[in-house]
Amino acid sequence: MTKLFSSAIESIGQTPLVALDRLTAGYDGRILAKLEFFNPGFSKKDRAALMVIEEAEKSGLLSSGQTVVELTSGNMGTGLAIVCAVKGYPFVAVISRGNSTERAKMMSALGAEVKLVDQLPGSTAGHVSGGDLALVDEVTRRIVLERNAFRADQFLHLGNPLAHYRHTGPELWGQSGGTVTHFCDFVGSGGTYAGVTRFLKEQDPSIGCYLVEPAGAAALGGADVSQPDHPIQGGGYSMPSLSFLQSIPVDGYLSVTGHQARDKARLLARKEGIFGGYSSGANVAAALSLLEGPAKGGTIAIAICDSGLKYLSTDLWSNVDF
């Protein structure tokens, strides 16, 4: 880290990998956590944002000064706000009001034009469902047409999984000394899982890779959707299929409740001094369950997807008094 960067986007990636040995005391095996909140936008989505924009520039889909638009739960939008600020593109972030206010405020502070979309009638703030996401997608499509904009579609643009295939996966493998035996990831767009799994399977096909979904909304795993409005923001949108996963192997499906994600995110902070968000807690909970089962004695890699600072207004940290 002695290099002088010419912009914030050059600092994206090469995040630390930390062994959660305090949290796993008493378990047979280890969990290695990639601290993605060390990226400038405090999340793993900075990687995808940069790759999507760079690939669009190379292909000619994005021209100088053109507006960039994307729907987001906040993390992809923050990454795009940073990349677009540095590269000089106007950026419009479209986000459901159900997501934490910190995310919208951060994107606005970074120069994004933020469009807030009301949730479905009867929805709970902080619990964004697939139906809420559909409303955000409708507004996003309209703005793209109105402004002749480039849509940085994180669910379809191959720059998303490519970022994790070229960078996150190799970093995990190199930093762990090639000791990873399992990988699990809470799924939003599926980009991280697809890119990292593809890379890890090329190193060793026996590495077990698992998709993590919210309990009650585990559509990818084939379960009935009974709780689409779960509290784990940034994923679990009850989509039965995702384009990035169509040719990617899945060794198993894991489900985590909102309570489990909250509990493990809080435990991660108290035991390891790592301040992550909801999906980070979900990944920890899933990894611990693997250590009790098929990954017993192994080494599991996970991502700490974003910072707990993005959830201070939510029930994730409602137990914190001062």
Protein backbone atom coordinates (compact mmCIF):
# COMPACT_ATOMS: atom_id res chain seq x y z
CA MET A 1 0.00 0.00 0.00
CA THR A 2 2.91 2.34 -0.68
CA LYS A 3 1.57 3.32 -4.11
CA LEU A 4 0.17 6.79 -4.70
CA PHE A 5 -3.21 6.47 -6.44
CA SER A 6 -4.38 9.01 -8.98
CA SER A 7 -8.03 8.49 -8.04
CA ALA A 8 -10.27 6.67 -5.56
CA ILE A 9 -11.19 4.01 -8.10
CA GLU A 10 -7.60 2.75 -8.18
CA SER A 11 -8.04 1.77 -4.52
CA ILE A 12 -10.86 -0.66 -5.33
CA GLY A 13 -9.93 -4.27 -4.54
CA GLN A 14 -7.07 -5.97 -2.69
CA THR A 15 -9.14 -5.92 0.49
CA PRO A 16 -7.88 -7.75 3.61
CA LEU A 17 -8.68 -11.38 4.37
CA VAL A 18 -9.17 -12.07 8.09
CA ALA A 19 -9.45 -15.40 9.93
CA LEU A 20 -12.47 -15.39 12.26
CA ASP A 21 -10.72 -17.58 14.82
CA ARG A 22 -12.35 -15.95 17.85
CA LEU A 23 -15.84 -16.42 16.48
CA THR A 24 -15.16 -20.04 15.48
CA ALA A 25 -13.60 -21.12 18.79
CA GLY A 26 -14.92 -24.61 19.50
CA TYR A 27 -15.63 -25.39 15.85
CA ASP A 28 -13.61 -27.79 13.74
CA GLY A 29 -12.51 -25.59 10.84
CA ARG A 30 -11.95 -21.94 9.92
CA ILE A 31 -13.79 -19.05 8.33
CA LEU A 32 -11.81 -16.53 6.28
CA ALA A 33 -13.61 -13.22 5.79
CA LYS A 34 -12.88 -10.78 2.96
CA LEU A 35 -13.40 -7.28 4.38
CA GLU A 36 -15.06 -5.60 1.41
CA PHE A 37 -15.90 -2.45 3.37
CA PHE A 38 -12.27 -1.44 2.80
CA ASN A 39 -13.34 -0.43 -0.72
CA PRO A 40 -13.99 3.34 -1.08
CA GLY A 41 -17.76 2.85 -1.22
CA PHE A 42 -17.65 0.48 1.77
CA SER A 43 -18.87 -2.57 -0.17
CA LYS A 44 -17.99 -5.32 -2.63
CA LYS A 45 -20.18 -3.65 -5.26
CA ASP A 46 -17.43 -1.12 -5.98
CA ARG A 47 -15.69 -3.91 -7.88
CA ALA A 48 -18.72 -4.62 -10.06
CA ALA A 49 -19.44 -0.93 -10.63
CA LEU A 50 -15.94 -0.26 -11.93
CA MET A 51 -15.87 -3.31 -14.20
CA VAL A 52 -19.34 -2.62 -15.66
CA ILE A 53 -18.37 0.94 -16.55
CA GLU A 54 -14.97 -0.04 -17.97
CA GLU A 55 -16.45 -2.83 -20.07
CA ALA A 56 -19.18 -0.49 -21.35
CA GLU A 57 -16.53 2.05 -22.34
CA LYS A 58 -14.51 -0.59 -24.19
CA SER A 59 -17.53 -1.88 -26.09
CA GLY A 60 -18.82 1.58 -27.02
CA LEU A 61 -22.08 1.17 -25.10
CA LEU A 62 -21.16 4.17 -22.95
CA SER A 63 -20.02 7.42 -24.52
CA SER A 64 -18.40 10.49 -23.02
CA GLY A 65 -20.79 12.55 -20.89
CA GLN A 66 -23.66 10.06 -21.20
CA THR A 67 -25.90 9.59 -18.18
CA VAL A 68 -25.61 6.32 -16.27
CA VAL A 69 -28.71 4.92 -14.54
CA GLU A 70 -29.14 1.93 -12.26
CA LEU A 71 -31.56 0.47 -9.76
CA THR A 72 -29.86 -0.31 -6.48
CA SER A 73 -30.35 -1.22 -2.86
CA GLY A 74 -27.55 1.26 -2.25
CA ASN A 75 -24.24 -0.53 -2.62
CA MET A 76 -24.03 -0.81 -6.41
CA GLY A 77 -25.31 2.75 -6.59
CA THR A 78 -22.60 3.97 -4.23
CA GLY A 79 -19.93 2.23 -6.28
CA LEU A 80 -21.32 3.72 -9.49
CA ALA A 81 -21.51 7.17 -7.90
CA ILE A 82 -17.80 6.97 -7.11
CA VAL A 83 -16.78 5.65 -10.52
CA CYS A 84 -18.99 8.14 -12.38
CA ALA A 85 -17.71 11.05 -10.28
CA VAL A 86 -14.12 10.21 -11.18
CA LYS A 87 -14.87 9.54 -14.86
CA GLY A 88 -17.26 12.45 -15.38
CA TYR A 89 -20.57 10.69 -16.05
CA PRO A 90 -23.84 11.99 -14.60
CA PHE A 91 -25.36 9.22 -12.49
CA VAL A 92 -28.97 8.55 -11.45
CA ALA A 93 -29.58 6.01 -8.67
CA VAL A 94 -33.08 4.54 -8.35
CA ILE A 95 -33.74 3.02 -4.93
CA SER A 96 -36.68 1.74 -2.91
CA ARG A 97 -37.65 3.73 0.17
CA GLY A 98 -37.48 0.44 2.02
CA ASN A 99 -33.68 0.50 2.03
CA SER A 100 -31.74 2.25 4.80
CA THR A 101 -31.58 6.03 4.58
CA GLU A 102 -27.80 5.98 5.01
CA ARG A 103 -27.41 4.47 1.55
CA ALA A 104 -29.44 7.13 -0.22
CA LYS A 105 -27.67 9.91 1.68
CA MET A 106 -24.25 8.53 0.81
CA MET A 107 -25.06 8.30 -2.90
CA SER A 108 -26.39 11.86 -2.88
CA ALA A 109 -23.26 13.10 -1.10
CA LEU A 110 -21.17 11.45 -3.83
CA GLY A 111 -22.99 13.46 -6.51
CA ALA A 112 -25.66 10.99 -7.59
CA GLU A 113 -29.19 12.09 -8.45
CA VAL A 114 -31.22 9.82 -6.18
CA LYS A 115 -34.77 8.78 -7.12
CA LEU A 116 -36.68 7.25 -4.19
CA VAL A 117 -39.46 4.82 -5.11
CA ASP A 118 -42.36 4.08 -2.74
CA GLN A 119 -42.83 0.48 -1.62
CA LEU A 120 -45.87 -1.63 -2.31
CA PRO A 121 -48.88 -0.82 -0.10
CA GLY A 122 -48.53 -2.56 3.25
CA SER A 123 -44.77 -3.09 2.92
CA THR A 124 -42.46 -2.62 5.89
CA ALA A 125 -39.59 -0.15 5.77
CA GLY A 126 -36.29 -2.03 5.81
CA HIS A 127 -37.89 -5.14 4.28
CA VAL A 128 -37.56 -4.82 0.49
CA SER A 129 -39.38 -7.54 -1.46
CA GLY A 130 -39.13 -8.66 -5.07
CA GLY A 131 -42.34 -6.72 -5.69
CA ASP A 132 -40.74 -3.55 -4.36
CA LEU A 133 -37.75 -4.17 -6.63
CA ALA A 134 -40.09 -4.52 -9.62
CA LEU A 135 -41.44 -1.01 -8.93
CA VAL A 136 -37.87 0.32 -8.84
CA ASP A 137 -37.12 -1.44 -12.12
CA GLU A 138 -40.15 0.20 -13.76
CA VAL A 139 -38.94 3.68 -12.78
CA THR A 140 -35.39 2.82 -13.88
CA ARG A 141 -36.55 1.75 -17.35
CA ARG A 142 -38.50 4.98 -17.77
CA ILE A 143 -35.54 7.19 -16.83
CA VAL A 144 -33.22 5.29 -19.19
CA LEU A 145 -35.59 5.98 -22.09
CA GLU A 146 -36.21 9.61 -21.15
CA ARG A 147 -32.51 10.46 -20.90
CA ASN A 148 -31.08 8.15 -23.54
CA ALA A 149 -28.95 6.78 -20.73
CA PHE A 150 -26.72 3.77 -20.26
CA ARG A 151 -28.17 1.30 -17.78
CA ALA A 152 -25.47 -0.35 -15.67
CA ASP A 153 -27.63 -3.42 -15.21
CA GLN A 154 -26.07 -5.34 -12.34
CA PHE A 155 -28.41 -8.31 -12.93
CA LEU A 156 -27.44 -8.74 -16.59
CA HIS A 157 -24.17 -6.95 -17.37
CA LEU A 158 -21.33 -9.48 -17.44
CA GLY A 159 -18.93 -6.94 -15.95
CA ASN A 160 -20.45 -7.81 -12.57
CA PRO A 161 -19.34 -11.48 -12.30
CA LEU A 162 -16.22 -10.70 -14.34
CA ALA A 163 -14.98 -8.38 -11.58
CA HIS A 164 -15.14 -11.22 -9.08
CA TYR A 165 -13.67 -13.78 -11.47
CA ARG A 166 -10.70 -11.56 -12.30
CA HIS A 167 -10.13 -10.06 -8.87
CA THR A 168 -12.10 -11.26 -5.82
CA GLY A 169 -11.59 -14.96 -6.51
CA PRO A 170 -7.84 -14.70 -7.22
CA GLU A 171 -7.39 -12.51 -4.13
CA LEU A 172 -9.16 -15.07 -1.92
CA TRP A 173 -7.07 -17.90 -3.33
CA GLY A 174 -3.77 -16.04 -3.07
CA GLN A 175 -4.34 -14.54 0.38
CA SER A 176 -5.44 -17.90 1.79
CA GLY A 177 -2.40 -19.66 0.36
CA GLY A 178 -4.70 -21.88 -1.68
CA THR A 179 -6.26 -23.40 1.44
CA VAL A 180 -9.94 -22.60 0.75
CA THR A 181 -12.09 -25.73 0.72
CA HIS A 182 -15.54 -24.09 0.71
CA PHE A 183 -17.19 -20.81 -0.29
CA CYS A 184 -20.65 -19.46 0.46
CA ASP A 185 -22.31 -16.19 -0.46
CA PHE A 186 -25.61 -14.43 0.16
CA VAL A 187 -27.12 -13.82 -3.27
CA GLY A 188 -28.39 -10.54 -4.65
CA SER A 189 -27.56 -10.33 -8.36
CA GLY A 190 -25.45 -13.49 -8.14
CA GLY A 191 -22.37 -11.74 -9.52
CA THR A 192 -20.06 -12.44 -6.59
CA TYR A 193 -21.07 -16.07 -6.30
CA ALA A 194 -20.73 -16.66 -10.06
CA GLY A 195 -17.36 -14.99 -10.45
CA VAL A 196 -15.70 -16.38 -7.33
CA THR A 197 -17.10 -19.89 -7.82
CA ARG A 198 -15.97 -20.03 -11.43
CA PHE A 199 -12.43 -19.09 -10.39
CA LEU A 200 -12.25 -21.39 -7.37
CA LYS A 201 -13.58 -24.38 -9.31
CA GLU A 202 -10.83 -23.83 -11.89
CA GLN A 203 -8.24 -24.12 -9.11
CA ASP A 204 -9.85 -27.17 -7.51
CA PRO A 205 -13.19 -28.64 -8.68
CA SER A 206 -13.72 -30.23 -5.26
CA ILE A 207 -14.14 -26.85 -3.53
CA GLY A 208 -17.72 -26.76 -2.24
CA CYS A 209 -19.66 -23.63 -3.23
CA TYR A 210 -22.99 -22.76 -1.62
CA LEU A 211 -25.70 -20.18 -2.33
CA VAL A 212 -27.17 -18.39 0.69
CA GLU A 213 -30.75 -17.07 0.69
CA PRO A 214 -33.18 -15.72 3.30
CA ALA A 215 -35.43 -18.26 5.00
CA GLY A 216 -38.91 -17.82 3.57
CA ALA A 217 -37.55 -16.40 0.30
CA ALA A 218 -35.23 -19.18 -0.88
CA ALA A 219 -36.59 -19.33 -4.42
CA LEU A 220 -33.29 -20.35 -6.01
CA GLY A 221 -33.19 -23.37 -3.74
CA GLY A 222 -36.68 -24.35 -4.85
CA ALA A 223 -38.49 -23.48 -1.62
CA ASP A 224 -41.91 -21.84 -1.44
CA VAL A 225 -41.74 -18.08 -0.89
CA SER A 226 -43.56 -17.29 2.35
CA GLN A 227 -41.64 -14.22 3.53
CA PRO A 228 -40.63 -12.04 0.58
CA ASP A 229 -40.29 -8.98 2.83
CA HIS A 230 -37.38 -10.29 4.94
CA PRO A 231 -34.97 -7.77 6.56
CA ILE A 232 -31.70 -8.85 4.84
CA GLN A 233 -31.24 -5.90 2.51
CA GLY A 234 -29.43 -6.19 -0.81
CA GLY A 235 -30.59 -9.63 -1.89
CA GLY A 236 -33.02 -12.48 -1.52
CA TYR A 237 -35.55 -11.02 -3.94
CA SER A 238 -37.38 -14.34 -4.41
CA MET A 239 -36.20 -14.70 -8.00
CA PRO A 240 -36.37 -18.37 -9.12
CA SER A 241 -33.44 -17.86 -11.51
CA LEU A 242 -30.58 -15.45 -12.09
CA SER A 243 -28.79 -15.13 -15.43
CA PHE A 244 -25.27 -15.22 -13.93
CA LEU A 245 -25.91 -18.59 -12.30
CA GLN A 246 -27.11 -20.51 -15.34
CA SER A 247 -23.78 -22.20 -16.07
CA ILE A 248 -22.26 -22.00 -12.58
CA PRO A 249 -22.20 -25.09 -10.34
CA VAL A 250 -24.00 -24.98 -6.98
CA ASP A 251 -23.03 -27.62 -4.42
CA GLY A 252 -25.83 -26.70 -2.05
CA TYR A 253 -28.36 -24.11 -0.92
CA LEU A 254 -28.42 -22.58 2.56
CA SER A 255 -31.12 -20.43 4.13
CA VAL A 256 -30.69 -17.92 6.96
CA THR A 257 -33.37 -16.13 8.95
CA GLY A 258 -33.32 -12.39 9.53
CA HIS A 259 -32.81 -13.09 13.23
CA GLN A 260 -29.79 -15.29 12.51
CA ALA A 261 -28.26 -12.65 10.22
CA ARG A 262 -28.75 -9.96 12.87
CA ASP A 263 -27.34 -12.14 15.63
CA LYS A 264 -24.24 -13.11 13.71
CA ALA A 265 -23.56 -9.55 12.47
CA ARG A 266 -23.67 -8.39 16.10
CA LEU A 267 -21.48 -11.31 17.21
CA LEU A 268 -19.00 -10.51 14.44
CA ALA A 269 -18.70 -6.96 15.77
CA ARG A 270 -18.29 -8.00 19.42
CA LYS A 271 -15.98 -10.98 18.89
CA GLU A 272 -13.88 -9.88 15.92
CA GLY A 273 -14.20 -6.09 15.84
CA ILE A 274 -15.61 -6.35 12.31
CA PHE A 275 -18.56 -4.02 11.68
CA GLY A 276 -20.57 -5.54 8.83
CA GLY A 277 -24.12 -5.33 7.53
CA TYR A 278 -27.03 -7.73 7.25
CA SER A 279 -25.71 -9.85 4.38
CA SER A 280 -22.36 -10.16 6.16
CA GLY A 281 -24.20 -11.63 9.15
CA ALA A 282 -26.03 -13.98 6.80
CA ASN A 283 -22.73 -15.18 5.35
CA VAL A 284 -21.28 -15.79 8.81
CA ALA A 285 -24.39 -17.71 9.90
CA ALA A 286 -24.28 -19.85 6.76
CA ALA A 287 -20.55 -20.54 7.15
CA LEU A 288 -21.00 -21.62 10.77
CA SER A 289 -23.73 -24.04 9.71
CA LEU A 290 -21.38 -25.47 7.09
CA LEU A 291 -18.70 -26.05 9.77
CA GLU A 292 -21.26 -28.12 11.62
CA GLY A 293 -21.96 -30.18 8.51
CA PRO A 294 -20.31 -30.73 5.11
CA ALA A 295 -17.43 -28.29 5.72
CA LYS A 296 -16.40 -29.67 9.12
CA GLY A 297 -12.62 -29.45 9.34
CA GLY A 298 -12.43 -27.22 6.27
CA THR A 299 -11.67 -23.59 5.47
CA ILE A 300 -14.63 -21.50 4.34
CA ALA A 301 -14.24 -18.19 2.48
CA ILE A 302 -16.93 -15.53 2.78
CA ALA A 303 -17.33 -11.84 1.99
CA ILE A 304 -18.10 -9.19 4.56
CA CYS A 305 -20.18 -7.50 1.90
CA ASP A 306 -20.49 -3.99 3.31
CA SER A 307 -20.18 -1.81 6.39
CA GLY A 308 -22.52 -1.74 9.36
CA LEU A 309 -22.43 2.05 9.06
CA LYS A 310 -25.00 1.67 6.27
CA TYR A 311 -27.54 0.17 8.70
CA LEU A 312 -27.41 2.41 11.77
CA SER A 313 -31.04 3.47 11.25
CA THR A 314 -32.27 -0.14 10.97
CA ASP A 315 -33.12 -2.80 13.53
CA LEU A 316 -29.72 -4.40 12.91
CA TRP A 317 -28.25 -2.10 15.55
CA SER A 318 -31.35 -1.36 17.61
CA ASN A 319 -29.71 -3.18 20.53
CA VAL A 320 -26.96 -0.55 20.76
CA ASP A 321 -27.56 2.05 23.48
CA PHE A 322 -25.36 4.98 24.42
